């Protein structure tokens, strides 16, 4: 139970970071993640954000089918 709570927290943080970063890119053409972490680590962060989105979609679909 505790591990799933930790996973949900990490997923939420990654999705927030990704959303804020895209907002900054759209508004100011400024990529905060790349600026902070460098290009190589930023690619890893972006992959993790994408995986987090897929995880949330899967959990959303699972909860919809359980109704």
N, C-alpha and C. Protein backbone atom coordinates (compact mmCIF):
# COMPACT_ATOMS: atom_id res chain seq x y z
N UNK A 1 0.82 -1.19 0.00
CA UNK A 1 0.00 0.00 0.00
C UNK A 1 0.87 1.26 0.00
N UNK A 2 1.92 1.24 0.82
CA UNK A 2 2.78 2.41 0.90
C UNK A 2 3.52 2.65 -0.41
N UNK A 3 3.94 1.57 -1.10
CA UNK A 3 4.63 1.70 -2.38
C UNK A 3 3.74 2.33 -3.43
N UNK A 4 2.45 1.97 -3.46
CA UNK A 4 1.56 2.54 -4.45
C UNK A 4 1.33 4.03 -4.17
N UNK A 5 1.31 4.40 -2.88
CA UNK A 5 1.17 5.82 -2.54
C UNK A 5 2.40 6.60 -3.01
N UNK A 6 3.57 6.03 -2.83
CA UNK A 6 4.81 6.67 -3.29
C UNK A 6 4.81 6.79 -4.81
N UNK A 7 4.39 5.74 -5.50
CA UNK A 7 4.31 5.78 -6.96
C UNK A 7 3.36 6.88 -7.42
N UNK A 8 2.20 6.97 -6.78
CA UNK A 8 1.22 8.01 -7.14
C UNK A 8 1.80 9.41 -6.92
N UNK A 9 2.56 9.59 -5.85
CA UNK A 9 3.18 10.89 -5.58
C UNK A 9 4.22 11.23 -6.65
N UNK A 10 5.06 10.28 -7.00
CA UNK A 10 6.08 10.50 -8.02
C UNK A 10 5.42 10.82 -9.37
N UNK A 11 4.39 10.06 -9.72
CA UNK A 11 3.67 10.30 -10.97
C UNK A 11 3.06 11.70 -10.97
N UNK A 12 2.44 12.09 -9.88
CA UNK A 12 1.83 13.42 -9.80
C UNK A 12 2.88 14.52 -9.94
N UNK A 13 4.00 14.37 -9.27
CA UNK A 13 5.07 15.37 -9.36
C UNK A 13 5.60 15.47 -10.79
N UNK A 14 5.84 14.32 -11.42
CA UNK A 14 6.33 14.34 -12.80
C UNK A 14 5.33 14.99 -13.75
N UNK A 15 4.05 14.72 -13.57
CA UNK A 15 3.04 15.32 -14.44
C UNK A 15 2.93 16.82 -14.21
N UNK A 16 3.07 17.26 -12.98
CA UNK A 16 3.05 18.70 -12.69
C UNK A 16 4.26 19.38 -13.30
N UNK A 17 5.43 18.78 -13.11
CA UNK A 17 6.66 19.34 -13.70
C UNK A 17 6.53 19.41 -15.22
N UNK A 18 6.04 18.34 -15.82
CA UNK A 18 5.87 18.32 -17.27
C UNK A 18 4.89 19.37 -17.75
N UNK A 19 3.77 19.50 -17.06
CA UNK A 19 2.78 20.50 -17.44
C UNK A 19 3.29 21.91 -17.30
N UNK A 20 3.96 22.19 -16.19
CA UNK A 20 4.53 23.53 -16.00
C UNK A 20 5.60 23.82 -17.05
N UNK A 21 6.42 22.82 -17.35
CA UNK A 21 7.47 23.01 -18.35
C UNK A 21 6.86 23.32 -19.71
N UNK A 22 5.81 22.58 -20.10
CA UNK A 22 5.17 22.86 -21.38
C UNK A 22 4.52 24.24 -21.39
N UNK A 23 3.97 24.66 -20.26
CA UNK A 23 3.42 26.01 -20.17
C UNK A 23 4.49 27.06 -20.38
N UNK A 24 5.66 26.86 -19.77
CA UNK A 24 6.77 27.80 -19.96
C UNK A 24 7.28 27.80 -21.40
N UNK A 25 7.33 26.63 -22.00
CA UNK A 25 7.76 26.54 -23.40
C UNK A 25 6.76 27.28 -24.29
N UNK A 26 5.48 27.06 -24.05
CA UNK A 26 4.45 27.71 -24.86
C UNK A 26 4.40 29.21 -24.69
N UNK A 27 4.54 29.67 -23.46
CA UNK A 27 4.44 31.11 -23.19
C UNK A 27 5.72 31.88 -23.49
N UNK A 28 6.84 31.32 -23.10
CA UNK A 28 8.10 32.07 -23.14
C UNK A 28 9.21 31.41 -23.94
N UNK A 29 8.92 30.25 -24.55
CA UNK A 29 9.95 29.48 -25.26
C UNK A 29 11.14 29.18 -24.36
N UNK A 30 10.83 28.86 -23.10
CA UNK A 30 11.86 28.58 -22.10
C UNK A 30 11.66 27.17 -21.56
N UNK A 31 12.65 26.31 -21.75
CA UNK A 31 12.59 24.93 -21.28
C UNK A 31 13.31 24.84 -19.93
N UNK A 32 12.55 24.90 -18.86
CA UNK A 32 13.11 24.90 -17.51
C UNK A 32 13.83 23.59 -17.20
N UNK A 33 13.25 22.47 -17.59
CA UNK A 33 13.84 21.16 -17.27
C UNK A 33 15.23 21.04 -17.90
N UNK A 34 15.36 21.42 -19.16
CA UNK A 34 16.66 21.36 -19.81
C UNK A 34 17.63 22.36 -19.19
N UNK A 35 17.13 23.53 -18.83
CA UNK A 35 17.99 24.53 -18.20
C UNK A 35 18.54 24.07 -16.86
N UNK A 36 17.73 23.37 -16.09
CA UNK A 36 18.13 22.93 -14.76
C UNK A 36 18.99 21.67 -14.82
N UNK A 37 18.59 20.70 -15.63
CA UNK A 37 19.24 19.38 -15.60
C UNK A 37 20.22 19.13 -16.73
N UNK A 38 20.19 19.93 -17.77
CA UNK A 38 21.00 19.65 -18.95
C UNK A 38 20.23 18.77 -19.91
N UNK A 39 20.75 18.71 -21.14
CA UNK A 39 19.99 18.04 -22.19
C UNK A 39 19.83 16.54 -21.98
N UNK A 40 20.88 15.86 -21.55
CA UNK A 40 20.82 14.40 -21.40
C UNK A 40 19.82 13.99 -20.33
N UNK A 41 19.90 14.60 -19.16
CA UNK A 41 18.97 14.27 -18.06
C UNK A 41 17.55 14.71 -18.41
N UNK A 42 17.43 15.84 -19.13
CA UNK A 42 16.10 16.32 -19.53
C UNK A 42 15.39 15.28 -20.37
N UNK A 43 16.09 14.61 -21.26
CA UNK A 43 15.46 13.57 -22.08
C UNK A 43 14.92 12.45 -21.19
N UNK A 44 15.65 12.09 -20.17
CA UNK A 44 15.21 11.05 -19.24
C UNK A 44 13.96 11.53 -18.49
N UNK A 45 13.98 12.79 -18.04
CA UNK A 45 12.82 13.36 -17.34
C UNK A 45 11.61 13.35 -18.26
N UNK A 46 11.80 13.72 -19.53
CA UNK A 46 10.68 13.75 -20.46
C UNK A 46 10.11 12.35 -20.70
N UNK A 47 10.96 11.35 -20.77
CA UNK A 47 10.49 9.96 -20.91
C UNK A 47 9.69 9.56 -19.67
N UNK A 48 10.18 9.93 -18.48
CA UNK A 48 9.47 9.61 -17.24
C UNK A 48 8.12 10.33 -17.17
N UNK A 49 8.05 11.56 -17.66
CA UNK A 49 6.77 12.28 -17.71
C UNK A 49 5.80 11.56 -18.64
N UNK A 50 6.29 11.12 -19.79
CA UNK A 50 5.44 10.37 -20.72
C UNK A 50 4.94 9.06 -20.13
N UNK A 51 5.83 8.34 -19.46
CA UNK A 51 5.43 7.10 -18.80
C UNK A 51 4.42 7.36 -17.69
N UNK A 52 4.60 8.47 -16.98
CA UNK A 52 3.65 8.85 -15.92
C UNK A 52 2.27 9.11 -16.51
N UNK A 53 2.23 9.77 -17.66
CA UNK A 53 0.95 10.04 -18.31
C UNK A 53 0.28 8.73 -18.74
N UNK A 54 1.06 7.82 -19.29
CA UNK A 54 0.50 6.51 -19.67
C UNK A 54 -0.03 5.75 -18.45
N UNK A 55 0.70 5.82 -17.35
CA UNK A 55 0.27 5.17 -16.11
C UNK A 55 -1.06 5.76 -15.64
N UNK A 56 -1.17 7.10 -15.64
CA UNK A 56 -2.41 7.74 -15.18
C UNK A 56 -3.58 7.39 -16.09
N UNK A 57 -3.33 7.33 -17.41
CA UNK A 57 -4.39 6.94 -18.35
C UNK A 57 -4.85 5.51 -18.04
N UNK A 58 -3.90 4.61 -17.82
CA UNK A 58 -4.25 3.22 -17.50
C UNK A 58 -5.04 3.14 -16.20
N UNK A 59 -4.66 3.89 -15.19
CA UNK A 59 -5.38 3.87 -13.91
C UNK A 59 -6.78 4.47 -14.08
N UNK A 60 -6.90 5.50 -14.90
CA UNK A 60 -8.20 6.12 -15.17
C UNK A 60 -9.12 5.13 -15.88
N UNK A 61 -8.59 4.45 -16.91
CA UNK A 61 -9.39 3.45 -17.63
C UNK A 61 -9.78 2.29 -16.71
N UNK A 62 -8.85 1.88 -15.86
CA UNK A 62 -9.14 0.79 -14.92
C UNK A 62 -10.26 1.18 -13.96
N UNK A 63 -10.23 2.41 -13.45
CA UNK A 63 -11.27 2.85 -12.52
C UNK A 63 -12.61 3.01 -13.23
N UNK A 64 -12.59 3.42 -14.51
CA UNK A 64 -13.83 3.53 -15.26
C UNK A 64 -14.47 2.17 -15.50
N UNK A 65 -13.65 1.16 -15.77
CA UNK A 65 -14.21 -0.16 -16.05
C UNK A 65 -14.66 -0.86 -14.77
N UNK A 66 -14.18 -0.41 -13.61
CA UNK A 66 -14.57 -1.02 -12.34
C UNK A 66 -15.93 -0.54 -11.87
N UNK A 67 -16.44 0.50 -12.50
CA UNK A 67 -17.75 1.07 -12.07
C UNK A 67 -18.89 0.22 -12.50
